C-alpha atoms as a PDB file:
ATOM      1  CA  MET A   1     -62.545  14.522 -16.627  1.00  0.00           C
ATOM      2  CA  PRO A   2     -65.465  14.832 -14.757  1.00  0.00           C
ATOM      3  CA  ARG A   3     -66.630  18.303 -12.524  1.00  0.00           C
ATOM      4  CA  ARG A   4     -66.803  18.164  -8.966  1.00  0.00           C
ATOM      5  CA  THR A   5     -69.737  19.197  -6.900  1.00  0.00           C
ATOM      6  CA  ARG A   6     -69.629  22.003  -4.885  1.00  0.00           C
ATOM      7  CA  SER A   7     -71.826  22.284  -1.823  1.00  0.00           C
ATOM      8  CA  LYS A   8     -72.998  25.909  -2.000  1.00  0.00           C
ATOM      9  CA  PRO A   9     -71.593  28.399   0.772  1.00  0.00           C
ATOM     10  CA  PRO A  10     -74.012  29.722   3.255  1.00  0.00           C
ATOM     11  CA  LEU A  11     -75.045  32.909   2.922  1.00  0.00           C
ATOM     12  CA  THR A  12     -75.356  34.778   6.069  1.00  0.00           C
ATOM     13  CA  ALA A  13     -77.327  37.247   7.134  1.00  0.00           C
ATOM     14  CA  LEU A  14     -75.312  39.799   6.626  1.00  0.00           C
ATOM     15  CA  ASP A  15     -74.172  38.601   2.634  1.00  0.00           C
ATOM     16  CA  ALA A  16     -78.228  38.525   2.231  1.00  0.00           C
ATOM     17  CA  GLY A  17     -78.464  42.335   3.666  1.00  0.00           C
ATOM     18  CA  VAL A  18     -75.544  42.910   0.820  1.00  0.00           C
ATOM     19  CA  CYS A  19     -77.399  40.794  -1.488  1.00  0.00           C
ATOM     20  CA  PHE A  20     -81.306  43.116  -1.185  1.00  0.00           C
ATOM     21  CA  LEU A  21     -78.329  46.091  -0.989  1.00  0.00           C
ATOM     22  CA  ALA A  22     -77.825  45.815  -4.515  1.00  0.00           C
ATOM     23  CA  LEU A  23     -80.677  44.649  -5.767  1.00  0.00           C
ATOM     24  CA  GLU A  24     -81.828  47.149  -4.918  1.00  0.00           C
ATOM     25  CA  HIS A  25     -79.255  49.593  -6.722  1.00  0.00           C
ATOM     26  CA  PHE A  26     -79.876  46.716 -10.077  1.00  0.00           C
ATOM     27  CA  ARG A  27     -83.416  47.800 -10.217  1.00  0.00           C
ATOM     28  CA  LYS A  28     -83.807  51.213 -10.683  1.00  0.00           C
ATOM     29  CA  LEU A  29     -81.098  50.454 -12.996  1.00  0.00           C
ATOM     30  CA  GLY A  30     -83.320  47.805 -14.463  1.00  0.00           C
ATOM     31  CA  LEU A  31     -81.925  45.513 -15.356  1.00  0.00           C
ATOM     32  CA  PRO A  32     -82.598  41.955 -14.224  1.00  0.00           C
ATOM     33  CA  CYS A  33     -81.915  40.383 -11.159  1.00  0.00           C
ATOM     34  CA  VAL A  34     -83.248  37.793  -9.093  1.00  0.00           C
ATOM     35  CA  SER A  35     -86.543  37.938  -6.607  1.00  0.00           C
ATOM     36  CA  ASP A  36     -85.974  38.464  -2.814  1.00  0.00           C
ATOM     37  CA  ALA A  37     -87.354  35.599  -2.204  1.00  0.00           C
ATOM     38  CA  GLU A  38     -84.949  33.545  -3.724  1.00  0.00           C
ATOM     39  CA  VAL A  39     -82.346  35.544  -1.640  1.00  0.00           C
ATOM     40  CA  PHE A  40     -83.919  34.048   1.673  1.00  0.00           C
ATOM     41  CA  ARG A  41     -84.302  30.927   0.239  1.00  0.00           C
ATOM     42  CA  ALA A  42     -80.864  31.019  -0.388  1.00  0.00           C
ATOM     43  CA  LEU A  43     -80.798  31.657   3.173  1.00  0.00           C
ATOM     44  CA  GLY A  44     -82.891  29.387   3.951  1.00  0.00           C
ATOM     45  CA  ALA A  45     -85.407  30.937   5.644  1.00  0.00           C
ATOM     46  CA  ASP A  46     -89.319  30.635   5.257  1.00  0.00           C
ATOM     47  CA  THR A  47     -91.122  32.850   3.064  1.00  0.00           C
ATOM     48  CA  SER A  48     -94.452  31.476   3.101  1.00  0.00           C
ATOM     49  CA  ASP A  49     -95.313  34.524   5.442  1.00  0.00           C
ATOM     50  CA  SER A  50     -94.809  38.142   2.999  1.00  0.00           C
ATOM     51  CA  GLU A  51     -95.178  40.674   5.473  1.00  0.00           C
ATOM     52  CA  ALA A  52     -92.683  39.485   8.036  1.00  0.00           C
ATOM     53  CA  VAL A  53     -90.114  38.650   4.980  1.00  0.00           C
ATOM     54  CA  GLU A  54     -90.709  41.985   4.465  1.00  0.00           C
ATOM     55  CA  ASP A  55     -89.839  43.163   7.474  1.00  0.00           C
ATOM     56  CA  VAL A  56     -86.562  40.767   8.042  1.00  0.00           C
ATOM     57  CA  ARG A  57     -85.242  41.774   4.369  1.00  0.00           C
ATOM     58  CA  LEU A  58     -85.531  45.759   5.570  1.00  0.00           C
ATOM     59  CA  GLN A  59     -83.590  44.920   9.107  1.00  0.00           C
ATOM     60  CA  LEU A  60     -80.713  42.999   6.927  1.00  0.00           C
ATOM     61  CA  MET A  61     -80.758  45.588   4.392  1.00  0.00           C
ATOM     62  CA  LEU A  62     -79.837  48.344   7.117  1.00  0.00           C
ATOM     63  CA  ARG A  63     -77.625  46.244   8.907  1.00  0.00           C
ATOM     64  CA  ALA A  64     -76.300  45.888   5.838  1.00  0.00           C
ATOM     65  CA  GLN A  65     -75.975  49.661   5.502  1.00  0.00           C
ATOM     66  CA  CYS A  66     -74.964  50.252   8.856  1.00  0.00           C
ATOM     67  CA  TYR A  67     -71.531  47.537   8.559  1.00  0.00           C
ATOM     68  CA  LEU A  68     -70.410  49.269   5.343  1.00  0.00           C
ATOM     69  CA  THR A  69     -71.219  53.569   6.346  1.00  0.00           C
ATOM     70  CA  ASP A  70     -68.871  51.928   9.888  1.00  0.00           C
ATOM     71  CA  GLY A  71     -66.520  50.554   7.155  1.00  0.00           C
ATOM     72  CA  LEU A  72     -66.398  53.245   5.476  1.00  0.00           C
ATOM     73  CA  ILE A  73     -65.332  56.106   8.162  1.00  0.00           C
ATOM     74  CA  LEU A  74     -62.985  53.257   9.554  1.00  0.00           C
ATOM     75  CA  GLY A  75     -60.995  53.759   6.484  1.00  0.00           C
ATOM     76  CA  MET A  76     -61.045  57.004   6.549  1.00  0.00           C
ATOM     77  CA  SER A  77     -60.022  57.896   9.641  1.00  0.00           C
ATOM     78  CA  ALA A  78     -57.315  55.122   9.373  1.00  0.00           C
ATOM     79  CA  ALA A  79     -56.339  57.125   5.758  1.00  0.00           C
ATOM     80  CA  ALA A  80     -56.704  60.423   8.261  1.00  0.00           C
ATOM     81  CA  ALA A  81     -54.835  59.268  10.647  1.00  0.00           C
ATOM     82  CA  GLN A  82     -51.657  58.102   7.565  1.00  0.00           C
ATOM     83  CA  GLY A  83     -51.582  61.172   6.485  1.00  0.00           C
ATOM     84  CA  VAL A  84     -52.797  60.556   2.856  1.00  0.00           C
END
C-alpha cells in the first residue's frame, strides 16, 4: 500500500521558541541537534542576516519561557486552590 504524503504542519513562533529552548538544553548536554537556521527555515523565515536571526531567536526563546512560566504559575495556583 503506497504511503500518503503529508504536508508539513506550520511552525508557529511559539513552536520555534520552544524548539530553541530545547536545542539550548540539548547542546549543553552535548547531544546532536539541528541548527538554529534549520528551525528558522521550518518557520519560513529568512536566514541571510545572522544578527537579525540571533535577535529573533532570543525574542522567541524569551516568549516561550514566559508562556511556560505563566503556565507553571497558573497550574500551581489551581493546585493550591484545590488543596492539592
